[in-house]
C-alpha atoms as a PDB file:
ATOM      1  CA  MET A   1      69.444   3.659  26.089  1.00  0.00           C
ATOM      2  CA  LEU A   2      72.734   3.869  24.321  1.00  0.00           C
ATOM      3  CA  THR A   3      73.867   1.158  22.235  1.00  0.00           C
ATOM      4  CA  PHE A   4      76.994   0.229  20.197  1.00  0.00           C
ATOM      5  CA  ARG A   5      77.777  -1.414  16.927  1.00  0.00           C
ATOM      6  CA  LYS A   6      80.159  -1.264  13.870  1.00  0.00           C
ATOM      7  CA  ALA A   7      79.723   1.653  11.541  1.00  0.00           C
ATOM      8  CA  ARG A   8      77.966   0.860   8.184  1.00  0.00           C
ATOM      9  CA  GLU A   9      78.373   2.505   4.740  1.00  0.00           C
ATOM     10  CA  GLU A  10      74.964   3.866   5.015  1.00  0.00           C
ATOM     11  CA  ASP A  11      76.081   5.565   8.307  1.00  0.00           C
ATOM     12  CA  VAL A  12      78.857   7.853   6.560  1.00  0.00           C
ATOM     13  CA  ALA A  13      76.666  10.650   5.291  1.00  0.00           C
ATOM     14  CA  GLU A  14      75.121  11.213   8.675  1.00  0.00           C
ATOM     15  CA  ILE A  15      78.481  11.083  10.478  1.00  0.00           C
ATOM     16  CA  VAL A  16      80.109  13.599   8.042  1.00  0.00           C
ATOM     17  CA  ALA A  17      76.916  15.815   8.569  1.00  0.00           C
ATOM     18  CA  PHE A  18      77.684  16.431  12.156  1.00  0.00           C
ATOM     19  CA  THR A  19      81.561  16.287  12.035  1.00  0.00           C
ATOM     20  CA  MET A  20      82.061  19.020   9.438  1.00  0.00           C
ATOM     21  CA  ASP A  21      82.671  21.712  11.901  1.00  0.00           C
ATOM     22  CA  THR A  22      84.061  20.233  14.882  1.00  0.00           C
ATOM     23  CA  TRP A  23      86.780  22.995  15.436  1.00  0.00           C
ATOM     24  CA  ASP A  24      87.128  26.369  13.928  1.00  0.00           C
ATOM     25  CA  TRP A  25      89.045  24.884  10.981  1.00  0.00           C
ATOM     26  CA  GLY A  26      86.899  22.236  10.639  1.00  0.00           C
ATOM     27  CA  ASP A  27      87.818  18.326  10.899  1.00  0.00           C
ATOM     28  CA  TYR A  28      89.638  15.884   9.181  1.00  0.00           C
ATOM     29  CA  LEU A  29      87.322  13.005  10.056  1.00  0.00           C
ATOM     30  CA  PRO A  30      84.952  13.746   7.076  1.00  0.00           C
ATOM     31  CA  ARG A  31      87.735  13.057   4.817  1.00  0.00           C
ATOM     32  CA  VAL A  32      88.883   9.478   6.435  1.00  0.00           C
ATOM     33  CA  VAL A  33      85.686   8.172   7.933  1.00  0.00           C
ATOM     34  CA  GLY A  34      84.426   6.360   4.822  1.00  0.00           C
ATOM     35  CA  ARG A  35      87.644   4.462   4.668  1.00  0.00           C
ATOM     36  CA  TRP A  36      87.462   3.576   8.411  1.00  0.00           C
ATOM     37  CA  VAL A  37      84.068   2.068   7.765  1.00  0.00           C
ATOM     38  CA  ALA A  38      85.177   0.198   4.552  1.00  0.00           C
ATOM     39  CA  ASP A  39      88.159  -1.200   6.705  1.00  0.00           C
ATOM     40  CA  GLY A  40      85.905  -2.245   9.564  1.00  0.00           C
ATOM     41  CA  ASN A  41      87.393  -0.515  12.529  1.00  0.00           C
ATOM     42  CA  ALA A  42      84.793   2.213  12.709  1.00  0.00           C
ATOM     43  CA  TYR A  43      82.188   2.189  15.542  1.00  0.00           C
ATOM     44  CA  VAL A  44      79.122   4.308  16.465  1.00  0.00           C
ATOM     45  CA  ALA A  45      76.904   4.748  19.628  1.00  0.00           C
ATOM     46  CA  LEU A  46      73.183   4.787  18.987  1.00  0.00           C
ATOM     47  CA  LEU A  47      70.699   7.160  21.126  1.00  0.00           C
ATOM     48  CA  ASP A  48      67.148   6.276  20.332  1.00  0.00           C
ATOM     49  CA  GLY A  49      68.159   4.766  16.969  1.00  0.00           C
ATOM     50  CA  ARG A  50      70.147   7.957  16.073  1.00  0.00           C
ATOM     51  CA  ILE A  51      74.029   8.258  15.553  1.00  0.00           C
ATOM     52  CA  ALA A  52      75.180   9.985  18.836  1.00  0.00           C
ATOM     53  CA  ALA A  53      78.939   9.312  18.783  1.00  0.00           C
ATOM     54  CA  VAL A  54      81.594   7.619  16.261  1.00  0.00           C
ATOM     55  CA  ALA A  55      85.005   6.321  16.925  1.00  0.00           C
ATOM     56  CA  SER A  56      87.570   4.125  15.423  1.00  0.00           C
ATOM     57  CA  MET A  57      89.699   1.174  16.958  1.00  0.00           C
ATOM     58  CA  LEU A  58      92.703   0.050  14.969  1.00  0.00           C
ATOM     59  CA  LEU A  59      94.735  -3.200  16.085  1.00  0.00           C
ATOM     60  CA  VAL A  60      98.439  -3.113  15.710  1.00  0.00           C
ATOM     61  CA  GLY A  61     100.050  -6.251  17.077  1.00  0.00           C
ATOM     62  CA  LYS A  62      98.731  -6.594  20.752  1.00  0.00           C
ATOM     63  CA  SER A  63      98.034  -2.866  21.016  1.00  0.00           C
ATOM     64  CA  ALA A  64      94.751  -1.269  20.163  1.00  0.00           C
ATOM     65  CA  TYR A  65      94.649   2.373  19.032  1.00  0.00           C
ATOM     66  CA  LEU A  66      91.647   4.631  19.393  1.00  0.00           C
ATOM     67  CA  ARG A  67      90.982   7.778  17.563  1.00  0.00           C
ATOM     68  CA  GLY A  68      88.354   9.891  16.034  1.00  0.00           C
ATOM     69  CA  LEU A  69      86.142  10.113  18.989  1.00  0.00           C
ATOM     70  CA  ARG A  70      83.569  12.619  17.856  1.00  0.00           C
ATOM     71  CA  VAL A  71      79.993  13.207  19.754  1.00  0.00           C
ATOM     72  CA  ARG A  72      77.057  14.933  18.243  1.00  0.00           C
ATOM     73  CA  PRO A  73      77.125  18.446  19.147  1.00  0.00           C
ATOM     74  CA  GLU A  74      73.776  18.814  20.541  1.00  0.00           C
ATOM     75  CA  LEU A  75      74.488  15.642  22.819  1.00  0.00           C
ATOM     76  CA  ARG A  76      77.637  16.743  24.447  1.00  0.00           C
ATOM     77  CA  GLY A  77      78.098  16.783  28.011  1.00  0.00           C
ATOM     78  CA  ARG A  78      75.637  13.639  28.612  1.00  0.00           C
ATOM     79  CA  GLY A  79      78.723  11.055  29.043  1.00  0.00           C
ATOM     80  CA  ILE A  80      78.479   9.882  25.728  1.00  0.00           C
ATOM     81  CA  GLY A  81      82.183  10.313  24.877  1.00  0.00           C
ATOM     82  CA  GLU A  82      82.877   8.500  28.103  1.00  0.00           C
ATOM     83  CA  ALA A  83      80.626   5.576  27.512  1.00  0.00           C
ATOM     84  CA  MET A  84      81.896   5.074  23.762  1.00  0.00           C
ATOM     85  CA  THR A  85      85.727   5.304  24.892  1.00  0.00           C
ATOM     86  CA  ARG A  86      84.691   2.480  27.729  1.00  0.00           C
ATOM     87  CA  PHE A  87      82.958   0.268  24.851  1.00  0.00           C
ATOM     88  CA  LEU A  88      86.085   0.507  22.723  1.00  0.00           C
ATOM     89  CA  VAL A  89      88.521  -0.378  25.570  1.00  0.00           C
ATOM     90  CA  ASP A  90      86.251  -3.275  26.347  1.00  0.00           C
ATOM     91  CA  GLU A  91      86.308  -4.157  22.456  1.00  0.00           C
ATOM     92  CA  ALA A  92      89.826  -4.073  22.434  1.00  0.00           C
ATOM     93  CA  ARG A  93      90.023  -6.737  25.115  1.00  0.00           C
ATOM     94  CA  ARG A  94      87.675  -8.795  23.387  1.00  0.00           C
ATOM     95  CA  ALA A  95      90.238  -8.692  20.384  1.00  0.00           C
ATOM     96  CA  GLY A  96      92.832  -9.692  22.557  1.00  0.00           C
ATOM     97  CA  ALA A  97      94.687  -6.492  22.785  1.00  0.00           C
ATOM     98  CA  SER A  98      97.109  -5.980  25.891  1.00  0.00           C
ATOM     99  CA  ILE A  99      97.196  -2.337  25.737  1.00  0.00           C
ATOM    100  CA  ALA A 100      95.006   0.409  24.330  1.00  0.00           C
ATOM    101  CA  THR A 101      96.566   4.120  23.254  1.00  0.00           C
ATOM    102  CA  LEU A 102      95.406   7.096  22.028  1.00  0.00           C
ATOM    103  CA  LEU A 103      96.502  10.633  21.513  1.00  0.00           C
ATOM    104  CA  VAL A 104      94.989  13.970  22.680  1.00  0.00           C
ATOM    105  CA  ALA A 105      96.082  17.291  21.506  1.00  0.00           C
ATOM    106  CA  GLU A 106      97.656  19.123  24.194  1.00  0.00           C
ATOM    107  CA  TRP A 107      95.066  22.048  24.088  1.00  0.00           C
ATOM    108  CA  ASN A 108      92.094  19.731  24.306  1.00  0.00           C
ATOM    109  CA  SER A 109      91.352  19.614  27.984  1.00  0.00           C
ATOM    110  CA  PRO A 110      87.899  18.247  28.034  1.00  0.00           C
ATOM    111  CA  SER A 111      89.543  15.087  26.111  1.00  0.00           C
ATOM    112  CA  HIS A 112      92.341  15.055  28.673  1.00  0.00           C
ATOM    113  CA  ASN A 113      89.773  14.947  31.447  1.00  0.00           C
ATOM    114  CA  LEU A 114      87.786  12.196  29.727  1.00  0.00           C
ATOM    115  CA  VAL A 115      90.648   9.791  28.956  1.00  0.00           C
ATOM    116  CA  ARG A 116      92.028  10.048  32.526  1.00  0.00           C
ATOM    117  CA  LYS A 117      88.622   9.412  34.194  1.00  0.00           C
ATOM    118  CA  VAL A 118      88.418   6.284  31.940  1.00  0.00           C
ATOM    119  CA  GLY A 119      91.990   5.271  33.361  1.00  0.00           C
ATOM    120  CA  PHE A 120      94.304   6.138  30.795  1.00  0.00           C
ATOM    121  CA  LYS A 121      97.711   7.376  31.757  1.00  0.00           C
ATOM    122  CA  ALA A 122      99.996   9.983  29.917  1.00  0.00           C
ATOM    123  CA  ARG A 123     103.208   8.415  28.721  1.00  0.00           C
ATOM    124  CA  LEU A 124     104.981  10.939  26.466  1.00  0.00           C
ATOM    125  CA  TYR A 125     104.595  13.879  24.113  1.00  0.00           C
ATOM    126  CA  VAL A 126     104.405  13.596  20.265  1.00  0.00           C
ATOM    127  CA  TYR A 127     105.062  16.280  17.921  1.00  0.00           C
ATOM    128  CA  GLY A 128     103.779  16.531  14.199  1.00  0.00           C
ATOM    129  CA  GLY A 129     103.816  18.781  11.202  1.00  0.00           C
ATOM    130  CA  ARG A 130     106.042  19.744   8.211  1.00  0.00           C
ATOM    131  CA  PRO A 131     109.587  19.162   8.687  1.00  0.00           C
ATOM    132  CA  ALA A 132     112.394  21.623   7.602  1.00  0.00           C
ATOM    133  CA  GLY A 133     113.643  19.003   5.075  1.00  0.00           C
ATOM    134  CA  GLY A 134     116.298  16.596   4.772  1.00  0.00           C
ATOM    135  CA  ARG A 135     116.959  12.963   5.766  1.00  0.00           C
ATOM    136  CA  GLY A 136     120.397  11.850   5.077  1.00  0.00           C
ATOM    137  CA  GLY A 137     122.386   9.664   7.079  1.00  0.00           C
ATOM    138  CA  ARG A 138     122.814   5.715   6.968  1.00  0.00           C
ATOM    139  CA  CYS A 139     120.084   3.137   6.505  1.00  0.00           C
ATOM    140  CA  LEU A 140     120.188  -0.008   8.631  1.00  0.00           C
ATOM    141  CA  GLU A 141     119.415  -3.597   7.760  1.00  0.00           C
ATOM    142  CA  GLY A 142     119.546  -6.729   9.728  1.00  0.00           C
ATOM    143  CA  ALA A 143     120.446  -7.183  13.114  1.00  0.00           C
ATOM    144  CA  GLU A 144     122.033  -3.706  13.048  1.00  0.00           C
ATOM    145  CA  ALA A 145     118.555  -2.259  12.230  1.00  0.00           C
ATOM    146  CA  TYR A 146     116.631  -4.450  14.880  1.00  0.00           C
ATOM    147  CA  GLU A 147     118.875  -3.401  17.691  1.00  0.00           C
ATOM    148  CA  ALA A 148     118.954   0.402  16.938  1.00  0.00           C
ATOM    149  CA  LEU A 149     114.966   0.059  16.892  1.00  0.00           C
ATOM    150  CA  ALA A 150     114.978  -1.987  20.421  1.00  0.00           C
ATOM    151  CA  GLU A 151     117.308   0.507  21.925  1.00  0.00           C
ATOM    152  CA  ALA A 152     115.253   3.580  20.823  1.00  0.00           C
ATOM    153  CA  LEU A 153     111.793   1.976  21.833  1.00  0.00           C
ATOM    154  CA  GLY A 154     113.857   1.296  25.358  1.00  0.00           C
ATOM    155  CA  ARG A 155     114.069   5.021  25.558  1.00  0.00           C
ATOM    156  CA  SER A 156     110.478   5.745  24.587  1.00  0.00           C
ATOM    157  CA  ARG A 157     109.075   3.090  26.996  1.00  0.00           C
ATOM    158  CA  GLY A 158     107.930   0.904  23.950  1.00  0.00           C
ATOM    159  CA  TYR A 159     105.762   3.643  22.051  1.00  0.00           C
ATOM    160  CA  ALA A 160     106.284   4.917  18.828  1.00  0.00           C
ATOM    161  CA  CYS A 161     104.320   6.071  15.538  1.00  0.00           C
ATOM    162  CA  LEU A 162     104.091   3.988  12.613  1.00  0.00           C
ATOM    163  CA  PRO A 163     106.354   4.728   9.667  1.00  0.00           C
ATOM    164  CA  ASP A 164     103.715   4.629   6.969  1.00  0.00           C
ATOM    165  CA  GLU A 165     100.775   6.045   9.017  1.00  0.00           C
ATOM    166  CA  PRO A 166     102.729   8.695  11.488  1.00  0.00           C
ATOM    167  CA  TRP A 167      99.679   9.958  13.270  1.00  0.00           C
ATOM    168  CA  ILE A 168      98.768   6.275  14.586  1.00  0.00           C
ATOM    169  CA  CYS A 169     101.181   6.265  17.831  1.00  0.00           C
ATOM    170  CA  THR A 170     101.046   3.152  20.052  1.00  0.00           C
ATOM    171  CA  ALA A 171     102.968   0.233  21.888  1.00  0.00           C
ATOM    172  CA  VAL A 172     105.028  -1.551  19.090  1.00  0.00           C
ATOM    173  CA  THR A 173     107.833  -4.027  18.719  1.00  0.00           C
ATOM    174  CA  PRO A 174     110.975  -3.542  16.462  1.00  0.00           C
ATOM    175  CA  TRP A 175     109.319  -6.532  14.313  1.00  0.00           C
ATOM    176  CA  GLU A 176     106.326  -4.531  13.897  1.00  0.00           C
ATOM    177  CA  LEU A 177     108.214  -1.286  12.767  1.00  0.00           C
ATOM    178  CA  LEU A 178     110.496  -3.191  10.498  1.00  0.00           C
ATOM    179  CA  ALA A 179     107.697  -4.654   8.514  1.00  0.00           C
ATOM    180  CA  ARG A 180     106.481  -1.016   7.709  1.00  0.00           C
ATOM    181  CA  GLY A 181     109.705   0.600   7.192  1.00  0.00           C
ATOM    182  CA  ARG A 182     113.641   0.807   7.218  1.00  0.00           C
ATOM    183  CA  PRO A 183     115.220   2.619   9.990  1.00  0.00           C
ATOM    184  CA  CYS A 184     118.029   5.415   9.167  1.00  0.00           C
ATOM    185  CA  LEU A 185     120.322   7.505  11.161  1.00  0.00           C
ATOM    186  CA  GLY A 186     120.495  10.875  10.500  1.00  0.00           C
ATOM    187  CA  GLU A 187     120.457  13.628  12.929  1.00  0.00           C
ATOM    188  CA  SER A 188     118.582  11.031  15.148  1.00  0.00           C
ATOM    189  CA  LEU A 189     117.181   7.394  14.314  1.00  0.00           C
ATOM    190  CA  TYR A 190     113.971   7.502  12.023  1.00  0.00           C
ATOM    191  CA  ILE A 191     111.814   5.160  10.324  1.00  0.00           C
ATOM    192  CA  GLY A 192     109.687   6.275   7.313  1.00  0.00           C
ATOM    193  CA  ARG A 193     107.780   9.231   8.573  1.00  0.00           C
ATOM    194  CA  PHE A 194     108.315   9.062  12.167  1.00  0.00           C
ATOM    195  CA  SER A 195     111.504  10.027  14.040  1.00  0.00           C
ATOM    196  CA  PHE A 196     112.726   9.058  17.775  1.00  0.00           C
ATOM    197  CA  GLY A 197     114.307  12.682  17.771  1.00  0.00           C
ATOM    198  CA  ALA A 198     113.978  15.815  15.673  1.00  0.00           C
ATOM    199  CA  ALA A 199     111.703  15.720  12.706  1.00  0.00           C
ATOM    200  CA  GLN A 200     113.078  14.478   9.286  1.00  0.00           C
ATOM    201  CA  GLY A 201     111.770  13.929   5.998  1.00  0.00           C
ATOM    202  CA  SER A 202     110.164  16.078   3.104  1.00  0.00           C
ATOM    203  CA  PRO A 203     108.823  19.321   3.691  1.00  0.00           C
ATOM    204  CA  ASP A 204     105.921  18.685   1.803  1.00  0.00           C
ATOM    205  CA  ILE A 205     104.364  15.758   3.920  1.00  0.00           C
ATOM    206  CA  ASP A 206     103.376  15.360   7.628  1.00  0.00           C
ATOM    207  CA  VAL A 207     105.613  13.818   9.786  1.00  0.00           C
ATOM    208  CA  THR A 208     105.552  12.918  13.558  1.00  0.00           C
ATOM    209  CA  SER A 209     108.476  12.810  16.256  1.00  0.00           C
ATOM    210  CA  LEU A 210     109.404  12.762  19.838  1.00  0.00           C
ATOM    211  CA  SER A 211     111.229  16.180  19.870  1.00  0.00           C
ATOM    212  CA  PRO A 212     109.735  19.538  18.766  1.00  0.00           C
ATOM    213  CA  GLU A 213     112.862  20.230  16.778  1.00  0.00           C
ATOM    214  CA  GLY A 214     113.427  19.953  13.076  1.00  0.00           C
ATOM    215  CA  TYR A 215     109.995  21.569  11.907  1.00  0.00           C
ATOM    216  CA  ARG A 216     109.342  24.120   9.716  1.00  0.00           C
ATOM    217  CA  GLU A 217     105.458  24.098  10.556  1.00  0.00           C
ATOM    218  CA  ARG A 218     104.751  22.314  13.709  1.00  0.00           C
ATOM    219  CA  TYR A 219     101.243  21.656  14.748  1.00  0.00           C
ATOM    220  CA  ALA A 220      99.785  21.259  18.371  1.00  0.00           C
ATOM    221  CA  ALA A 221     101.798  18.881  20.503  1.00  0.00           C
ATOM    222  CA  HIS A 222      99.665  15.578  21.423  1.00  0.00           C
ATOM    223  CA  VAL A 223     100.075  13.510  24.501  1.00  0.00           C
ATOM    224  CA  LEU A 224     100.116   9.773  24.182  1.00  0.00           C
ATOM    225  CA  TYR A 225      98.062   8.085  26.751  1.00  0.00           C
ATOM    226  CA  SER A 226      97.891   4.328  27.426  1.00  0.00           C
ATOM    227  CA  MET A 227      96.110   1.804  29.458  1.00  0.00           C
ATOM    228  CA  GLU A 228      96.933  -1.620  30.050  1.00  0.00           C
ATOM    229  CA  LEU A 229      94.181  -4.120  29.517  1.00  0.00           C
END
């Protein structure tokens, strides 16, 4: 029987062991799962007392962002990923979230099929990578900053990536963005390491954007999915 619980410190080594080689290039999860566990937002699925899957749910205001779903390789194809996703959706409801979101790489067809089956709907594309460089422009304050973000979020249907954690993309309010960064007008409106238009920022760090333009090195495009809870 499949059961679920929050991940514990003693689970980290086992999780790292079965997520080292998720793809040809490896996986980022072994580098971050220890922090997720320490922060209390990682969960595991257990099958016969053994960890079968891991994932994380992060609350941002009234949104729940789901990330890092990994199923133990020898247990794939048994519906564990779907069950884990449904559990996290229920956990988000219990936590008071009104919407759940997640990112799926454009090329990852199995994950697209999984999240659509659960009930998620594709909303927009998110691009990430290393920008060509440069920010420039004028930074905004007060009512002008709020109004600029409100207008931009209106165009993106309320979705954005976080200024300080650009790979966390979810439904946000202008106030939630302003608590994490200061918006500026360059080639487009950007806040921290996220841009509503072309990518902007230092070529030495990852940024995300809603436009594929402005990158020196662009990674795979991602689809932002959401589900009302």
